[in-house]
Protein backbone atom coordinates (compact mmCIF):
# COMPACT_ATOMS: atom_id res chain seq x y z
CA MET A 1 -50.71 16.35 43.99
CA SER A 2 -49.29 20.03 43.23
CA PRO A 3 -47.94 20.54 40.24
CA LEU A 4 -43.72 20.80 39.69
CA ARG A 5 -42.33 24.06 39.55
CA PRO A 6 -38.89 24.98 38.69
CA PRO A 7 -36.50 25.36 41.53
CA GLY A 8 -36.33 29.51 40.06
CA VAL A 9 -36.08 31.56 37.40
CA ILE A 10 -33.59 34.07 35.53
CA VAL A 11 -35.75 37.60 34.59
CA SER A 12 -33.18 39.52 32.17
CA THR A 13 -33.50 42.26 29.64
CA PRO A 14 -31.21 41.05 25.94
CA THR A 15 -28.15 42.79 27.31
CA GLY A 16 -28.28 42.01 31.14
CA SER A 17 -27.80 38.37 32.14
CA THR A 18 -27.80 37.23 28.85
CA ALA A 19 -25.00 34.43 29.85
CA TYR A 20 -27.07 32.97 32.58
CA ALA A 21 -30.07 32.91 30.90
CA ALA A 22 -28.31 31.11 27.34
CA ALA A 23 -26.73 28.61 29.87
CA ALA A 24 -30.18 27.97 31.06
CA GLY A 25 -31.85 27.35 27.85
CA ALA A 26 -32.84 30.67 27.00
CA SER A 27 -32.05 32.36 23.27
CA MET A 28 -30.21 34.61 22.97
CA ILE A 29 -31.85 38.21 21.80
CA HIS A 30 -30.20 41.33 20.26
CA PRO A 31 -29.73 44.13 22.38
CA ASN A 32 -32.21 46.49 20.29
CA VAL A 33 -35.21 44.41 20.72
CA PRO A 34 -36.90 45.81 23.55
CA ALA A 35 -38.24 42.72 25.45
CA ILE A 36 -37.90 41.02 29.43
CA MET A 37 -36.75 37.24 29.48
CA VAL A 38 -38.01 34.77 31.69
CA THR A 39 -36.12 31.61 31.72
CA PRO A 40 -37.07 28.67 34.11
CA ILE A 41 -33.88 27.23 35.98
CA CYS A 42 -33.49 23.18 35.51
CA PRO A 43 -37.29 22.93 34.85
CA HIS A 44 -38.84 19.58 35.86
CA SER A 45 -41.34 19.50 33.34
CA LEU A 46 -42.00 20.67 29.24
CA SER A 47 -44.49 22.62 30.52
CA PHE A 48 -41.95 25.77 31.83
CA ARG A 49 -40.20 26.98 28.69
CA PRO A 50 -38.32 30.42 28.62
CA ILE A 51 -40.80 33.13 26.95
CA VAL A 52 -39.96 36.39 26.03
CA VAL A 53 -42.19 39.39 26.57
CA PRO A 54 -42.25 42.89 25.59
CA ALA A 55 -40.11 45.87 27.25
CA GLY A 56 -42.72 47.63 29.51
CA VAL A 57 -44.81 44.64 30.51
CA GLU A 58 -44.89 44.37 34.66
CA LEU A 59 -44.08 40.83 35.80
CA MET A 60 -44.98 39.95 39.53
CA ILE A 61 -43.46 37.41 40.96
CA THR A 62 -45.11 35.49 43.91
CA LEU A 63 -44.38 32.99 46.65
CA SER A 64 -47.39 30.83 47.17
CA PRO A 65 -48.60 31.42 50.64
CA ASP A 66 -49.19 27.66 50.13
CA ALA A 67 -45.23 27.29 49.76
CA ARG A 68 -43.39 24.60 52.46
CA ASN A 69 -40.21 26.86 52.46
CA THR A 70 -39.14 30.74 52.14
CA ALA A 71 -37.35 31.59 48.80
CA TRP A 72 -34.40 33.54 48.05
CA VAL A 73 -33.58 36.70 45.60
CA SER A 74 -30.94 37.93 44.46
CA PHE A 75 -30.29 41.32 42.27
CA ASP A 76 -27.23 40.77 39.74
CA GLY A 77 -25.99 38.32 41.96
CA ARG A 78 -25.41 40.54 45.15
CA LYS A 79 -27.55 40.92 47.97
CA ARG A 80 -29.37 37.98 48.53
CA GLN A 81 -33.32 38.53 50.16
CA GLU A 82 -35.12 36.22 51.56
CA ILE A 83 -39.06 36.17 50.53
CA GLN A 84 -41.99 35.21 52.65
CA HIS A 85 -45.11 33.57 51.88
CA GLY A 86 -47.61 35.72 49.90
CA ASP A 87 -44.80 38.29 49.31
CA CYS A 88 -44.28 39.57 45.77
CA ILE A 89 -42.03 40.94 43.38
CA LYS A 90 -42.66 43.50 40.67
CA ILE A 91 -40.16 43.81 37.20
CA THR A 92 -40.43 46.07 34.62
CA THR A 93 -37.83 47.37 32.24
CA SER A 94 -36.49 50.93 32.73
CA CYS A 95 -37.51 53.60 30.75
CA TYR A 96 -33.54 54.97 30.23
CA PRO A 97 -32.02 52.22 28.19
CA VAL A 98 -28.13 51.80 28.96
CA PRO A 99 -26.15 52.43 25.52
CA SER A 100 -24.07 50.09 23.47
CA ILE A 101 -20.87 50.87 22.51
CA CYS A 102 -19.86 49.53 19.28
CA CYS A 103 -17.13 49.58 16.69
CA HIS A 104 -18.73 49.12 13.19
CA ASP A 105 -22.62 48.89 13.98
CA LEU A 106 -24.81 47.44 16.28
CA VAL A 107 -25.68 44.58 14.35
CA TYR A 108 -22.81 43.38 13.30
CA ASP A 109 -20.85 43.33 16.54
CA TRP A 110 -22.99 41.78 17.98
CA PHE A 111 -22.82 38.89 15.78
CA GLU A 112 -19.41 39.20 15.59
CA SER A 113 -18.90 38.91 18.89
CA LEU A 114 -21.62 35.77 19.36
CA ALA A 115 -19.36 34.05 16.42
CA GLN A 116 -15.85 34.74 18.20
CA CYS A 117 -17.51 33.49 21.97
CA LEU A 118 -19.17 30.51 20.49
CA HIS A 119 -16.94 29.69 17.94
CA TRP A 120 -19.37 29.84 14.78
CA ASN A 121 -18.03 28.53 11.64
CA VAL A 122 -14.83 27.43 13.21
CA ARG A 123 -13.57 24.09 12.47
CA LYS A 124 -10.11 22.23 12.77
CA ARG A 125 -7.94 22.09 10.34
CA GLN A 126 -8.09 18.56 8.91
CA GLU A 127 -5.31 16.42 7.91
CA ARG A 128 -5.08 15.08 4.25
CA LEU A 129 -5.96 11.32 4.63
CA ALA A 130 -2.50 10.49 3.79
CA ASP A 131 -1.28 12.06 6.43
CA VAL A 132 -3.79 10.27 8.86
CA SER A 133 -2.77 6.72 7.48
CA ASP A 134 1.01 7.69 8.08
CA SER A 135 1.28 8.95 11.27
CA SER A 136 -1.02 5.77 12.18
CA ASP A 137 1.55 3.53 10.66
CA THR A 138 4.63 4.91 12.56
CA GLU A 139 2.83 4.54 15.94
CA ASN A 140 2.18 0.52 15.51
């Protein structure tokens, strides 16, 4: 019996595909960290975990010659292409990074945007206990 494999992977940089990778269980990595994230999609085993490798590493993803079917690849959700048995995709980071535009500084802006998007440190305002019991008395 062959080992279980995830149905797909997301390969991204800290600034690219971050939302997709985070939704699949990857960590959020600061844009200043030169890295590539590899995140399995819906893994069927605990042995498949998101990993982070240094930028500049060449990743090779291949479709096994023993695979029962072909596979599909898409880049930024566009131009889906079929991958045949034995095909190989080589992935590395560009030597020309995309600069980030910041209001204050890169670290503050990044944490602030995460706090706003993920509602960090936001709580629903709590009512006083007397207000809660008064409203339940009027409903009965």
